[in-house]
Amino acid sequence: MEIQAVTGAFGYTGKYITQRLLNKNITVKTLTNSVNRKNDFGDKVMVSPFFFNEPDKLVKALEGVSVLYNTYWVRFNHRTFQHSEAVQNTLKLFEAAKKAGVKRIVHTSILKPDKNSKLEYYAGKGILEEALINSGISYAILRPGVIFGDEDILINNIAWMIRKFPVFGMFGDGKYKLQPIFVEDFADLAVEQGSKSENIIIDATGPEIFTYKEIVKAISKIILGKERKVFSMPDELGYWVSKIVGTIKGDKLVTREEIKGLKADLLYSDAPAAGKTKLTDWVALHKNTIGMVYANELKRRLDRTIAYK
């Protein structure tokens, strides 16, 4: 009986990877901080806490696992979770996987990681890529920029703001690019790489490249039947407007680091697309539901019992 492990099987990308593995009759174990979260898998998935602070238990949890799909990360710093902690925890996970005899790790990174970046998110991802490459474990490193789908945050909340406000403010000129990949395409790619053995790094992008301004106009035209008026604003003003909206919703809508990452053109790639699903086609299919409800990431993080939707 082959066992493969997915971190965060009850979360966003993790649940799509898990469903594909189950469809292939592979036994799935998840390591998660959300052992009590409602999910669609029931007893089909073996559940274990992460045990980051108990190395022997973490190794034990990974014993017998052939492939580990790692989706564990945090999007922003908060009083209850930090990027630096996520880096250290992931290093512990890699070390435990090696001791447990895991044969391959399929790791979710980010486009254009850089261990020397001044942006903590990108620096952390760069540190982890280097550690995995040097671990001696067979690896596939997948680098998405933006992942869209039913449980998505960014694309959904762009649509939510388009619906809620008569104009849409963007940071600077809006010419910075994004290349979103569909979550199911990403899961297909991850599982495909889990069945291989060669070391590989893949820019996990979709078939469409947009400027930020273009993506706002494209979404608004699809869901409203007209292009929402878009205007430029200084980064700091945009941040504080977003902070006010986020505070009202009990969330972090955007961070200063994310604004800098957007404007530095870190969310697209010149590599061939790894996914086939167009964002515009997907939005058209979901135009009556996307953005109708605000997607609150902080609520998902803090309430570990509700289903990830």
Protein backbone atom coordinates (compact mmCIF):
# COMPACT_ATOMS: atom_id res chain seq x y z
CA MET A 1 0.00 0.00 0.00
CA GLU A 2 1.58 3.26 -1.14
CA ILE A 3 1.19 6.21 1.23
CA GLN A 4 1.66 9.80 0.10
CA ALA A 5 1.40 12.85 2.35
CA VAL A 6 -0.08 16.27 1.68
CA THR A 7 0.41 19.20 4.03
CA GLY A 8 -2.87 21.05 4.43
CA ALA A 9 -5.16 18.55 2.69
CA PHE A 10 -8.18 20.46 4.03
CA GLY A 11 -6.93 23.79 2.68
CA TYR A 12 -6.84 25.33 -0.78
CA THR A 13 -4.36 23.66 -3.14
CA GLY A 14 -3.90 20.73 -0.76
CA LYS A 15 -7.45 19.47 -1.11
CA TYR A 16 -7.26 19.33 -4.91
CA ILE A 17 -3.99 17.41 -4.76
CA THR A 18 -5.50 15.06 -2.18
CA GLN A 19 -8.60 14.33 -4.28
CA ARG A 20 -6.44 13.41 -7.25
CA LEU A 21 -4.33 11.04 -5.18
CA LEU A 22 -7.44 9.37 -3.78
CA ASN A 23 -8.79 9.01 -7.31
CA LYS A 24 -5.60 7.05 -8.10
CA ASN A 25 -6.26 4.77 -5.11
CA ILE A 26 -3.25 6.13 -3.25
CA THR A 27 -3.51 6.19 0.55
CA VAL A 28 -3.23 9.79 1.72
CA LYS A 29 -2.02 11.18 5.02
CA THR A 30 -2.20 14.86 5.83
CA LEU A 31 -0.06 16.88 8.20
CA THR A 32 -2.07 19.89 9.25
CA ASN A 33 -2.70 22.58 11.85
CA SER A 34 -6.42 22.05 11.23
CA VAL A 35 -7.08 18.51 12.45
CA ASN A 36 -10.68 19.45 13.34
CA ARG A 37 -11.52 21.36 10.15
CA LYS A 38 -14.65 20.21 8.33
CA ASN A 39 -13.73 18.55 5.07
CA ASP A 40 -15.12 16.41 2.27
CA PHE A 41 -12.79 13.45 2.81
CA GLY A 42 -14.02 12.06 6.12
CA ASP A 43 -12.02 9.00 7.14
CA LYS A 44 -10.49 8.59 3.66
CA VAL A 45 -7.48 10.65 4.77
CA MET A 46 -5.22 9.86 7.74
CA VAL A 47 -4.75 13.00 9.84
CA SER A 48 -1.73 14.04 11.87
CA PRO A 49 -0.72 17.31 13.52
CA PHE A 50 2.51 18.86 12.25
CA PHE A 51 4.51 18.23 15.46
CA PHE A 52 6.98 20.96 14.45
CA ASN A 53 8.22 21.21 18.05
CA GLU A 54 8.46 17.44 18.53
CA PRO A 55 10.96 16.23 15.90
CA ASP A 56 10.66 12.52 16.72
CA LYS A 57 6.88 12.62 16.33
CA LEU A 58 7.21 14.53 13.05
CA VAL A 59 9.56 11.86 11.71
CA LYS A 60 7.16 9.15 12.90
CA ALA A 61 4.26 10.85 11.12
CA LEU A 62 6.18 10.66 7.84
CA GLU A 63 7.40 7.10 8.13
CA GLY A 64 6.19 4.93 5.25
CA VAL A 65 5.44 7.98 3.08
CA SER A 66 6.88 7.83 -0.44
CA VAL A 67 5.99 11.33 -1.68
CA LEU A 68 5.37 14.50 0.30
CA TYR A 69 3.42 17.36 -1.28
CA ASN A 70 4.24 20.50 0.66
CA THR A 71 1.79 23.41 0.46
CA TYR A 72 2.48 24.75 3.97
CA TRP A 73 3.11 28.51 4.16
CA VAL A 74 1.69 31.79 5.48
CA ARG A 75 0.78 34.74 3.29
CA PHE A 76 1.52 37.54 5.76
CA ASN A 77 2.82 38.13 9.26
CA HIS A 78 0.33 38.10 12.12
CA ARG A 79 0.60 37.91 15.91
CA THR A 80 -0.21 34.18 15.71
CA PHE A 81 1.96 33.26 12.69
CA GLN A 82 5.07 34.68 11.02
CA HIS A 83 7.01 34.16 7.81
CA SER A 84 10.16 33.42 9.80
CA GLU A 85 8.34 30.72 11.74
CA ALA A 86 6.99 29.19 8.53
CA VAL A 87 10.55 29.02 7.15
CA GLN A 88 11.88 27.29 10.27
CA ASN A 89 8.93 24.89 10.37
CA THR A 90 9.39 23.94 6.74
CA LEU A 91 13.10 23.29 7.29
CA LYS A 92 12.08 20.95 10.13
CA LEU A 93 9.62 19.26 7.77
CA PHE A 94 12.32 18.66 5.13
CA GLU A 95 14.71 17.28 7.76
CA ALA A 96 12.04 14.97 9.17
CA ALA A 97 11.14 13.79 5.66
CA LYS A 98 14.75 12.83 5.01
CA LYS A 99 15.03 10.93 8.31
CA ALA A 100 11.72 9.17 7.62
CA GLY A 101 12.92 7.98 4.21
CA VAL A 102 10.55 10.05 2.06
CA LYS A 103 11.67 9.51 -1.53
CA ARG A 104 10.38 12.70 -3.18
CA ILE A 105 9.08 16.12 -2.21
CA VAL A 106 6.81 18.20 -4.45
CA HIS A 107 7.19 21.68 -2.99
CA THR A 108 5.03 24.75 -3.61
CA SER A 109 7.25 27.81 -3.91
CA ILE A 110 6.65 31.16 -5.64
CA LEU A 111 7.68 32.77 -8.92
CA LYS A 112 11.05 34.51 -8.72
CA PRO A 113 12.11 33.55 -5.17
CA ASP A 114 15.33 35.11 -3.90
CA LYS A 115 16.93 34.31 -0.57
CA ASN A 116 18.54 37.78 -0.65
CA SER A 117 15.30 39.64 -1.37
CA LYS A 118 14.24 42.49 0.88
CA LEU A 119 10.72 41.06 0.63
CA GLU A 120 10.40 38.50 3.43
CA TYR A 121 7.96 36.30 1.51
CA TYR A 122 10.32 35.89 -1.45
CA ALA A 123 13.43 35.57 0.72
CA GLY A 124 11.81 32.78 2.75
CA LYS A 125 10.82 30.88 -0.38
CA GLY A 126 14.38 31.25 -1.70
CA ILE A 127 15.86 29.86 1.52
CA LEU A 128 13.55 26.86 1.37
CA GLU A 129 14.29 26.09 -2.27
CA GLU A 130 18.01 26.07 -1.53
CA ALA A 131 17.50 23.81 1.48
CA LEU A 132 15.42 21.33 -0.50
CA ILE A 133 17.88 21.26 -3.40
CA ASN A 134 20.70 20.54 -0.95
CA SER A 135 18.74 17.96 1.05
CA GLY A 136 19.57 14.98 -1.14
CA ILE A 137 15.85 14.18 -1.53
CA SER A 138 14.40 13.95 -5.04
CA TYR A 139 12.37 17.11 -5.63
CA ALA A 140 9.99 18.99 -7.88
CA ILE A 141 9.71 22.68 -7.06
CA LEU A 142 6.58 24.33 -8.43
CA ARG A 143 6.55 28.12 -8.66
CA PRO A 144 3.07 29.64 -9.00
CA GLY A 145 2.44 33.37 -8.91
CA VAL A 146 -1.34 33.60 -8.50
CA ILE A 147 -3.59 30.55 -8.15
CA PHE A 148 -7.29 31.01 -8.93
CA GLY A 149 -10.27 28.78 -8.22
CA ASP A 150 -13.37 28.46 -6.07
CA GLU A 151 -11.51 29.10 -2.79
CA ASP A 152 -9.23 31.79 -4.18
CA ILE A 153 -8.54 35.02 -2.29
CA LEU A 154 -7.01 37.54 -4.73
CA ILE A 155 -9.18 37.11 -7.83
CA ASN A 156 -12.37 36.72 -5.77
CA ASN A 157 -11.68 39.88 -3.79
CA ILE A 158 -10.83 41.88 -6.90
CA ALA A 159 -14.27 40.84 -8.17
CA TRP A 160 -15.82 41.71 -4.79
CA MET A 161 -14.36 45.23 -4.92
CA ILE A 162 -15.50 45.65 -8.52
CA ARG A 163 -19.04 44.79 -7.41
CA LYS A 164 -18.98 46.96 -4.29
CA PHE A 165 -17.36 50.18 -5.47
CA PRO A 166 -18.13 52.48 -8.42
CA VAL A 167 -14.42 52.90 -9.22
CA PHE A 168 -11.38 50.70 -8.71
CA GLY A 169 -8.12 52.08 -7.36
CA MET A 170 -4.83 50.48 -8.36
CA PHE A 171 -1.29 50.94 -7.12
CA GLY A 172 0.65 53.15 -9.53
CA ASP A 173 0.12 52.69 -13.27
CA GLY A 174 -1.16 49.10 -13.05
CA LYS A 175 1.23 47.90 -15.76
CA TYR A 176 2.81 45.21 -13.60
CA LYS A 177 1.94 41.70 -14.77
CA LEU A 178 0.20 38.61 -13.42
CA GLN A 179 -0.03 35.12 -14.90
CA PRO A 180 -2.65 33.16 -12.89
CA ILE A 181 -2.88 29.37 -12.93
CA PHE A 182 -6.08 27.42 -12.25
CA VAL A 183 -5.93 25.47 -8.98
CA GLU A 184 -6.96 22.22 -10.69
CA ASP A 185 -4.23 22.63 -13.30
CA PHE A 186 -1.77 23.21 -10.48
CA ALA A 187 -2.96 20.07 -8.67
CA ASP A 188 -2.63 18.05 -11.89
CA LEU A 189 0.92 19.33 -12.28
CA ALA A 190 1.81 18.50 -8.68
CA VAL A 191 0.49 14.94 -8.87
CA GLU A 192 2.18 14.40 -12.24
CA GLN A 193 5.49 15.46 -10.72
CA GLY A 194 4.89 13.24 -7.70
CA SER A 195 5.07 10.21 -9.99
CA LYS A 196 8.48 11.19 -11.41
CA SER A 197 11.98 11.11 -9.98
CA GLU A 198 14.01 13.77 -11.79
CA ASN A 199 14.86 16.97 -9.96
CA ILE A 200 13.02 19.84 -11.60
CA ILE A 201 11.91 23.44 -11.06
CA ILE A 202 8.78 24.55 -12.92
CA ASP A 203 7.23 28.00 -13.22
CA ALA A 204 3.60 27.06 -12.61
CA THR A 205 1.75 29.65 -14.67
CA GLY A 206 -1.42 29.79 -16.72
CA PRO A 207 -1.87 30.60 -20.42
CA GLU A 208 -2.87 34.27 -20.01
CA ILE A 209 -0.68 37.20 -18.99
CA PHE A 210 -2.40 40.37 -17.80
CA THR A 211 -1.32 43.70 -16.47
CA TYR A 212 -3.08 44.42 -13.19
CA LYS A 213 -5.13 47.08 -14.97
CA GLU A 214 -6.10 44.60 -17.68
CA ILE A 215 -7.17 41.93 -15.22
CA VAL A 216 -9.44 44.37 -13.37
CA LYS A 217 -11.03 45.52 -16.63
CA ALA A 218 -11.40 41.96 -17.93
CA ILE A 219 -13.11 40.74 -14.76
CA SER A 220 -15.40 43.77 -14.56
CA LYS A 221 -16.45 43.42 -18.20
CA ILE A 222 -17.34 39.76 -17.65
CA ILE A 223 -19.26 40.11 -14.38
CA LEU A 224 -20.79 43.56 -14.93
CA GLY A 225 -21.03 43.69 -18.70
CA LYS A 226 -18.91 46.84 -18.71
CA GLU A 227 -15.41 47.92 -17.74
CA ARG A 228 -15.18 49.40 -14.25
CA LYS A 229 -13.41 52.79 -14.22
CA VAL A 230 -9.86 52.29 -12.95
CA PHE A 231 -7.67 55.05 -11.51
CA SER A 232 -4.12 55.23 -10.20
CA MET A 233 -3.26 56.07 -6.62
CA PRO A 234 -0.01 56.35 -4.64
CA ASP A 235 1.05 53.09 -3.05
CA GLU A 236 0.72 54.37 0.50
CA LEU A 237 -2.76 55.78 -0.08
CA GLY A 238 -3.79 52.50 -1.69
CA TYR A 239 -2.39 50.58 1.25
CA TRP A 240 -4.37 52.64 3.78
CA VAL A 241 -7.59 52.36 1.79
CA SER A 242 -7.04 48.60 1.68
CA LYS A 243 -6.25 48.57 5.39
CA ILE A 244 -9.53 50.32 6.18
CA VAL A 245 -11.49 47.84 4.07
CA GLY A 246 -9.56 44.95 5.62
CA THR A 247 -10.20 46.22 9.14
CA ILE A 248 -13.91 46.47 8.44
CA LYS A 249 -13.87 42.87 7.16
CA GLY A 250 -11.59 41.65 9.95
CA ASP A 251 -8.84 40.67 7.49
CA LYS A 252 -5.67 41.84 5.73
CA LEU A 253 -6.71 42.77 2.21
CA VAL A 254 -3.16 43.49 1.06
CA THR A 255 0.24 44.11 2.66
CA ARG A 256 2.96 46.61 1.82
CA GLU A 257 5.20 43.69 0.80
CA GLU A 258 2.56 42.40 -1.60
CA ILE A 259 2.27 45.84 -3.18
CA LYS A 260 6.05 45.93 -3.68
CA GLY A 261 6.00 42.39 -5.09
CA LEU A 262 3.25 43.29 -7.55
CA LYS A 263 5.03 46.41 -8.78
CA ALA A 264 8.34 44.56 -9.11
CA ASP A 265 6.74 42.26 -11.74
CA LEU A 266 7.29 39.15 -9.64
CA LEU A 267 4.02 37.42 -10.56
CA TYR A 268 4.63 36.39 -14.16
CA SER A 269 7.17 34.34 -16.08
CA ASP A 270 8.64 34.07 -19.57
CA ALA A 271 8.57 30.26 -19.31
CA PRO A 272 5.95 28.23 -21.24
CA ALA A 273 2.58 28.02 -19.46
CA ALA A 274 2.17 24.96 -17.24
CA GLY A 275 -1.63 25.22 -17.04
CA LYS A 276 -4.21 25.28 -19.82
CA THR A 277 -7.26 26.91 -18.21
CA LYS A 278 -7.80 30.59 -19.03
CA LEU A 279 -8.77 32.87 -16.16
CA THR A 280 -11.21 34.71 -18.44
CA ASP A 281 -12.99 31.47 -19.35
CA TRP A 282 -13.21 30.45 -15.69
CA VAL A 283 -14.56 33.87 -14.61
CA ALA A 284 -17.18 33.69 -17.38
CA LEU A 285 -18.36 30.32 -16.03
CA HIS A 286 -18.58 31.73 -12.49
CA LYS A 287 -19.67 35.29 -13.25
CA ASN A 288 -22.81 35.01 -11.14
CA THR A 289 -20.96 33.90 -8.00
CA ILE A 290 -17.40 35.22 -8.08
CA GLY A 291 -16.97 38.20 -5.78
CA MET A 292 -20.47 37.93 -4.30
CA VAL A 293 -18.94 37.18 -0.90
CA TYR A 294 -15.69 38.56 0.49
CA ALA A 295 -13.04 35.83 0.95
CA ASN A 296 -11.58 36.31 4.43
CA GLU A 297 -8.18 34.66 4.69
CA LEU A 298 -7.55 35.65 8.30
CA LYS A 299 -10.83 34.06 9.36
CA ARG A 300 -9.79 30.84 7.63
CA ARG A 301 -6.45 30.94 9.44
CA LEU A 302 -7.85 31.64 12.89
CA ASP A 303 -10.92 29.38 12.79
CA ARG A 304 -9.55 25.89 12.26
CA THR A 305 -12.95 24.17 12.28
CA ILE A 306 -14.87 25.72 9.37
CA ALA A 307 -14.59 24.22 5.89
CA TYR A 308 -12.13 26.00 3.61
CA LYS A 309 -14.48 27.64 1.10
